[in-house]
Each structure stands twice: as C-alpha cells, then as structure tokens.
Amino acid sequence: MTLTFQRLTSLALSLGALATVTAPLGGCLIAAVGAGAAGAGYTAGNERGIGGTATDTGIKAQINAIWTKDNGQITSYVDLNIFEGRVLLTGAVPDPRIRDQAVAGAWKANGVKEVINEIQVAQGASFGTAASDNWILARLNSDMVFDTAVRTPNYSLQCVDGTVYILGVARTQNELDHVLNYARNIPNVRQVKNYIRIRSGIGEDGGTQLGTVGGAAQPSALSPADPNQPGASQRAIGPGDSRDPALGGAQPYSPPPSAAPSGGIQVTPLQ
C-alpha cells in the first residue's frame, strides 16, 4: 500500500500520541491531530485548502484572545475545534457561567458560522479518564489514516469522558460511514457525536460527483436541520445562548423523547 505524504504525517502524529497517552493531558492532545496542525503538506490535503485552513486558524486565535480577556479560566477547561467556521466547544467546567462565557465569546469572533456547545458542567476528568480519551483519539486517527477511502485532514477529533466528537467534511456517504464505524468500534467509547457534513462537488478523478453513489444523491448534512431528528445534540443558537434555563437567555433545543437504542454505541446524527 502506498502512503501519501499527508497520510505519513498523520500516522507519525498518531504514533506520537499513542506514546504519550500516559501524560497528564486531556482530550486536547489529539485535537491538533484531527485539526491538521502538521504543516503545509498536511494542510494541502484538506478540503478547506490553505486559505480556508488559515481562516479557521485566525478564528481560533480570535476566540482564544476573547476568552483570555473575558475570563482566563475558560481556556483551562474548554477545548476548541474549528472547521470551515463551525466551532465545536467541548470539555467540563465547574461553573455554568464559565460555559456561557465561552459560548458568548466564540460568537464574538469574525467568521464564525456556527457554535456547537458540547460543554458539560461537571468536575474535570481524572488522570485515568484523560489517558483513555487520548488513547481513543490516537486509535481513531490511526484507523482513518490507513483507510484510503478516508481523507483524514478533513476531520477534527475530540474525546471527553469516552464521548467522541467528530467535526468536518466527508466527500461521500461511504466515507462518512467508514469514519463513524471506526469510532464506535473502539473499546471504551461510550458515544459518538457526529458533526460531519457531506461535501458536494467534483471528485478527484475530475468527473465523479461527490455526495452521490451510482448517480443517486446521498443524504447531505448541508440540507436544513430536522428539529424532530432523535438524538440530536443541543447546540448554541446565538450569542449568549445557555443550556441552563435557570440562567435566562435563549432556551436550548431539546429533542423529543425517542426510544433508546437496543444496544451498542449510540451515534448522534448531525442536526
């Protein structure tokens, strides 16, 4: 099997992460791996292109600066992943006000299109949980790198207490399925939350329509969200959004009751 430069770079990062999972770090360790922070060769294989990647990097710098100004504690608790202006916030904070400041601050940055609020109000992860989360992310990234159907730089990965969050763009439904299957079959994964969109366009061969198989259109996450979709994650809907009604402000979306899965890992579809 021939490995491209971007796959070799991704593999090197994965192996490095596996060697350091015993370090006292949280899920943020592998966030850079999924975000494609390995240099020009890695960025070139990204659907965003160099310009899009630079824009996301600028947004991240803005948000970190805003958080530092508003409340220096935010960066200690909240992990930040960005893909094409879509901002994913994860982590555990001891006070809901820190979560709300993080969400409001993210919306202040120029170029932000969406803020996905997955911040939990809870105590921080233990040493063992943090090591397990890092191992899960390293294993997932490694599985994706060796699959020629998956373009790894198109995904930003995060894991908090056994819940895997995947943000990015798939070229086809088949690629999306591969990524989700890898995630939910890793030991100790409790849940997979899917924030992957299917990109429509021209394939690498110059004629294949991405997002289609055999000429038939595939479901695309770029279509309007279905509010009745079961298992959809709550997300921020604008500046100042709060997932705690007692704190006032915009009320979070609460999905309607649905039957619990019969077994296995729950995969939360993109809303």
Protein backbone atom coordinates (compact mmCIF):
# COMPACT_ATOMS: atom_id res chain seq x y z
CA MET A 1 0.00 0.00 0.00
CA THR A 2 1.38 3.41 -0.97
CA LEU A 3 1.06 6.12 1.66
CA THR A 4 0.88 9.77 0.57
CA PHE A 5 2.82 12.45 2.41
CA GLN A 6 -0.31 13.58 4.26
CA ARG A 7 -1.03 10.01 5.43
CA LEU A 8 2.55 9.52 6.59
CA THR A 9 2.34 12.80 8.51
CA SER A 10 -0.95 11.76 10.10
CA LEU A 11 0.50 8.38 11.03
CA ALA A 12 3.53 9.98 12.66
CA LEU A 13 1.25 12.17 14.74
CA SER A 14 -0.87 9.18 15.75
CA LEU A 15 2.14 7.15 16.85
CA GLY A 16 3.45 10.12 18.80
CA ALA A 17 0.10 10.49 20.53
CA LEU A 18 -0.02 6.79 21.41
CA ALA A 19 3.40 7.10 23.02
CA THR A 20 2.23 9.96 25.23
CA VAL A 21 -1.22 8.87 26.38
CA THR A 22 0.11 8.44 29.89
CA ALA A 23 0.98 12.14 30.06
CA PRO A 24 -1.30 14.22 32.32
CA LEU A 25 -3.20 15.83 29.48
CA GLY A 26 -6.87 15.92 28.49
CA GLY A 27 -8.59 15.35 25.16
CA CYS A 28 -6.90 18.46 23.76
CA LEU A 29 -3.74 16.43 22.99
CA ILE A 30 -5.13 14.88 19.82
CA ALA A 31 -7.28 17.83 18.81
CA ALA A 32 -4.32 19.18 16.84
CA VAL A 33 -4.02 15.84 15.05
CA GLY A 34 -7.61 15.97 13.81
CA ALA A 35 -7.34 19.67 13.04
CA GLY A 36 -4.40 19.08 10.73
CA ALA A 37 -1.73 21.10 12.52
CA ALA A 38 1.21 19.28 10.97
CA GLY A 39 2.32 21.82 8.40
CA ALA A 40 1.89 22.61 4.73
CA GLY A 41 1.90 19.01 3.45
CA TYR A 42 -0.93 18.09 5.78
CA THR A 43 -2.94 21.23 5.02
CA ALA A 44 -2.67 20.73 1.26
CA GLY A 45 -4.74 17.55 1.50
CA ASN A 46 -7.51 19.36 3.35
CA GLU A 47 -10.83 20.14 1.63
CA ARG A 48 -10.63 23.65 3.07
CA GLY A 49 -7.44 24.42 1.17
CA ILE A 50 -4.66 26.58 2.55
CA GLY A 51 -6.86 29.70 2.60
CA GLY A 52 -9.69 28.01 4.48
CA THR A 53 -7.32 26.49 6.99
CA ALA A 54 -5.71 29.89 7.57
CA THR A 55 -9.16 31.41 8.15
CA ASP A 56 -10.01 28.78 10.76
CA THR A 57 -6.65 29.34 12.44
CA GLY A 58 -7.41 33.04 12.60
CA ILE A 59 -10.84 32.38 14.12
CA LYS A 60 -9.26 30.16 16.76
CA ALA A 61 -6.75 32.87 17.65
CA GLN A 62 -9.57 35.42 17.97
CA ILE A 63 -11.62 33.20 20.24
CA ASN A 64 -8.67 32.39 22.50
CA ALA A 65 -7.89 36.11 22.79
CA ILE A 66 -11.53 36.89 23.63
CA TRP A 67 -11.67 34.12 26.22
CA THR A 68 -8.44 35.30 27.84
CA LYS A 69 -9.87 38.82 28.09
CA ASP A 70 -13.33 37.78 29.33
CA ASN A 71 -12.31 35.03 31.74
CA GLY A 72 -8.85 33.50 31.91
CA GLN A 73 -10.28 30.24 33.28
CA ILE A 74 -12.08 29.34 30.05
CA THR A 75 -9.01 28.10 28.19
CA SER A 76 -8.17 25.81 31.11
CA TYR A 77 -11.46 23.95 30.85
CA VAL A 78 -12.76 24.26 27.28
CA ASP A 79 -11.32 22.63 24.13
CA LEU A 80 -11.79 24.37 20.79
CA ASN A 81 -12.12 22.70 17.37
CA ILE A 82 -12.91 24.66 14.19
CA PHE A 83 -13.67 23.55 10.64
CA GLU A 84 -14.91 25.96 7.94
CA GLY A 85 -16.13 28.47 10.51
CA ARG A 86 -18.02 25.87 12.52
CA VAL A 87 -16.86 25.98 16.13
CA LEU A 88 -17.11 22.93 18.41
CA LEU A 89 -16.73 23.56 22.14
CA THR A 90 -16.11 20.59 24.45
CA GLY A 91 -14.88 19.99 27.96
CA ALA A 92 -16.12 20.13 31.55
CA VAL A 93 -16.45 23.33 33.58
CA PRO A 94 -17.19 23.63 37.32
CA ASP A 95 -19.49 26.64 36.89
CA PRO A 96 -22.22 27.13 34.23
CA ARG A 97 -21.23 30.79 33.96
CA ILE A 98 -17.87 29.75 32.51
CA ARG A 99 -19.67 27.69 29.87
CA ASP A 100 -21.92 30.61 28.96
CA GLN A 101 -18.96 32.99 28.71
CA ALA A 102 -17.18 30.52 26.44
CA VAL A 103 -20.18 30.27 24.09
CA ALA A 104 -20.78 34.03 24.02
CA GLY A 105 -17.09 34.68 23.42
CA ALA A 106 -16.97 32.25 20.50
CA TRP A 107 -19.75 34.13 18.75
CA LYS A 108 -17.79 37.40 19.01
CA ALA A 109 -15.08 36.21 16.62
CA ASN A 110 -15.30 37.29 12.98
CA GLY A 111 -16.07 34.49 10.53
CA VAL A 112 -17.90 32.19 12.95
CA LYS A 113 -20.83 30.49 11.19
CA GLU A 114 -21.97 28.11 13.93
CA VAL A 115 -21.17 27.36 17.55
CA ILE A 116 -21.78 23.80 18.72
CA ASN A 117 -21.96 23.79 22.51
CA GLU A 118 -20.97 20.43 23.99
CA ILE A 119 -19.53 21.84 27.22
CA GLN A 120 -20.60 19.91 30.31
CA VAL A 121 -20.95 21.33 33.82
CA ALA A 122 -19.00 18.77 35.84
CA GLN A 123 -15.72 18.13 37.55
CA GLY A 124 -12.64 17.70 35.35
CA ALA A 125 -11.55 14.30 34.07
CA SER A 126 -9.37 12.08 36.21
CA PHE A 127 -5.88 11.05 35.13
CA GLY A 128 -7.15 7.65 34.01
CA THR A 129 -10.06 9.11 32.02
CA ALA A 130 -7.82 11.64 30.29
CA ALA A 131 -5.35 8.91 29.29
CA SER A 132 -8.19 6.75 27.96
CA ASP A 133 -9.60 9.65 25.92
CA ASN A 134 -6.20 10.32 24.37
CA TRP A 135 -5.78 6.64 23.51
CA ILE A 136 -9.23 6.58 21.85
CA LEU A 137 -8.38 9.58 19.69
CA ALA A 138 -4.98 8.21 18.70
CA ARG A 139 -6.53 4.87 17.74
CA LEU A 140 -9.30 6.56 15.72
CA ASN A 141 -6.86 8.78 13.86
CA SER A 142 -4.64 5.79 13.09
CA ASP A 143 -7.57 3.76 11.73
CA MET A 144 -8.59 6.66 9.49
CA VAL A 145 -5.06 7.21 8.17
CA PHE A 146 -4.76 3.63 6.89
CA ASP A 147 -8.14 3.76 5.12
CA THR A 148 -7.68 5.07 1.57
CA ALA A 149 -11.40 5.93 1.45
CA VAL A 150 -10.93 8.50 4.23
CA ARG A 151 -9.20 11.86 3.86
CA THR A 152 -8.04 12.30 7.45
CA PRO A 153 -7.18 16.05 7.32
CA ASN A 154 -10.86 16.78 6.69
CA TYR A 155 -11.76 15.84 10.27
CA SER A 156 -11.21 17.40 13.68
CA LEU A 157 -11.50 14.89 16.52
CA GLN A 158 -12.18 15.31 20.22
CA CYS A 159 -12.99 12.94 23.07
CA VAL A 160 -14.35 13.78 26.53
CA ASP A 161 -15.02 11.03 29.06
CA GLY A 162 -15.47 8.37 26.37
CA THR A 163 -17.69 10.50 24.12
CA VAL A 164 -16.14 11.07 20.69
CA TYR A 165 -16.95 14.26 18.78
CA ILE A 166 -16.20 14.38 15.05
CA LEU A 167 -16.31 17.68 13.15
CA GLY A 168 -15.50 18.01 9.46
CA VAL A 169 -16.42 17.17 5.89
CA ALA A 170 -16.86 13.81 4.14
CA ARG A 171 -16.63 13.53 0.37
CA THR A 172 -19.21 10.72 0.21
CA GLN A 173 -21.71 8.92 2.40
CA ASN A 174 -19.41 5.89 2.24
CA GLU A 175 -16.52 7.90 3.71
CA LEU A 176 -18.75 9.21 6.49
CA ASP A 177 -19.87 5.66 7.32
CA HIS A 178 -16.26 4.47 7.49
CA VAL A 179 -15.31 7.19 9.99
CA LEU A 180 -18.33 6.59 12.23
CA ASN A 181 -17.82 2.82 12.20
CA TYR A 182 -14.20 3.19 13.25
CA ALA A 183 -15.20 5.48 16.13
CA ARG A 184 -17.97 3.35 17.56
CA ASN A 185 -15.95 0.11 17.41
CA ILE A 186 -13.08 1.37 19.57
CA PRO A 187 -13.04 -0.06 23.12
CA ASN A 188 -14.21 2.29 25.89
CA VAL A 189 -16.12 4.57 23.51
CA ARG A 190 -19.46 5.31 25.14
CA GLN A 191 -21.00 7.57 22.49
CA VAL A 192 -20.19 9.12 19.10
CA LYS A 193 -21.48 12.58 18.22
CA ASN A 194 -21.44 13.25 14.50
CA TYR A 195 -20.92 16.78 13.19
CA ILE A 196 -19.74 15.71 9.73
CA ARG A 197 -21.16 17.27 6.59
CA ILE A 198 -21.12 15.69 3.14
CA ARG A 199 -19.42 17.92 0.59
CA SER A 200 -20.97 18.14 -2.88
CA GLY A 201 -18.65 18.80 -5.82
CA ILE A 202 -16.35 17.22 -8.36
CA GLY A 203 -14.37 14.16 -7.35
CA GLU A 204 -10.63 13.65 -7.55
CA ASP A 205 -10.97 11.97 -10.95
CA GLY A 206 -12.48 15.16 -12.38
CA GLY A 207 -15.82 13.54 -13.14
CA THR A 208 -17.18 11.83 -10.05
CA GLN A 209 -19.86 13.81 -8.27
CA LEU A 210 -19.09 13.84 -4.58
CA GLY A 211 -22.04 13.04 -2.37
CA THR A 212 -23.50 10.63 -4.93
CA VAL A 213 -23.22 6.90 -5.50
CA GLY A 214 -24.26 5.42 -8.82
CA GLY A 215 -25.81 8.73 -9.83
CA ALA A 216 -28.17 8.79 -6.84
CA ALA A 217 -27.95 11.72 -4.45
CA GLN A 218 -26.93 10.84 -0.91
CA PRO A 219 -28.31 12.42 2.27
CA SER A 220 -26.39 15.61 2.95
CA ALA A 221 -25.91 17.40 6.23
CA LEU A 222 -25.93 20.66 4.28
CA SER A 223 -29.70 20.42 3.97
CA PRO A 224 -31.90 22.14 6.60
CA ALA A 225 -31.83 20.51 10.03
CA ASP A 226 -34.77 18.37 11.06
CA PRO A 227 -35.90 19.50 14.55
CA ASN A 228 -37.57 16.13 15.11
CA GLN A 229 -34.42 14.13 14.49
CA PRO A 230 -33.89 11.84 17.51
CA GLY A 231 -30.69 12.06 19.45
CA ALA A 232 -29.63 15.42 18.03
CA SER A 233 -27.19 17.30 20.24
CA GLN A 234 -28.07 20.63 21.78
CA ARG A 235 -26.16 23.48 20.24
CA ALA A 236 -25.77 27.21 20.71
CA ILE A 237 -28.19 29.25 18.59
CA GLY A 238 -26.66 32.68 19.04
CA PRO A 239 -24.63 34.95 21.30
CA GLY A 240 -25.38 34.41 24.97
CA ASP A 241 -27.09 31.07 24.49
CA SER A 242 -27.36 29.00 27.65
CA ARG A 243 -28.18 25.34 28.13
CA ASP A 244 -29.34 26.10 31.68
CA PRO A 245 -32.87 27.67 31.60
CA ALA A 246 -32.39 28.97 35.14
CA LEU A 247 -29.69 31.34 33.87
CA GLY A 248 -32.06 33.06 31.46
CA GLY A 249 -31.35 33.95 27.82
CA ALA A 250 -32.12 31.75 24.82
CA GLN A 251 -33.52 28.34 25.59
CA PRO A 252 -31.66 25.29 24.25
CA TYR A 253 -33.22 22.92 21.80
CA SER A 254 -34.46 19.76 23.49
CA PRO A 255 -35.06 16.82 21.14
CA PRO A 256 -38.37 14.97 21.54
CA PRO A 257 -38.40 11.70 23.51
CA SER A 258 -37.30 8.73 21.46
CA ALA A 259 -36.77 5.06 22.03
CA ALA A 260 -33.38 4.18 23.46
CA PRO A 261 -31.07 2.18 21.18
CA SER A 262 -31.33 -1.56 21.57
CA GLY A 263 -27.63 -1.91 22.25
CA GLY A 264 -24.12 -0.92 21.25
CA ILE A 265 -22.64 2.55 20.95
CA GLN A 266 -25.05 5.42 20.37
CA VAL A 267 -24.18 7.60 17.38
CA THR A 268 -25.71 11.06 17.48
CA PRO A 269 -26.54 12.21 13.92
CA LEU A 270 -25.83 15.72 12.69
CA GLN A 271 -28.73 18.04 13.42
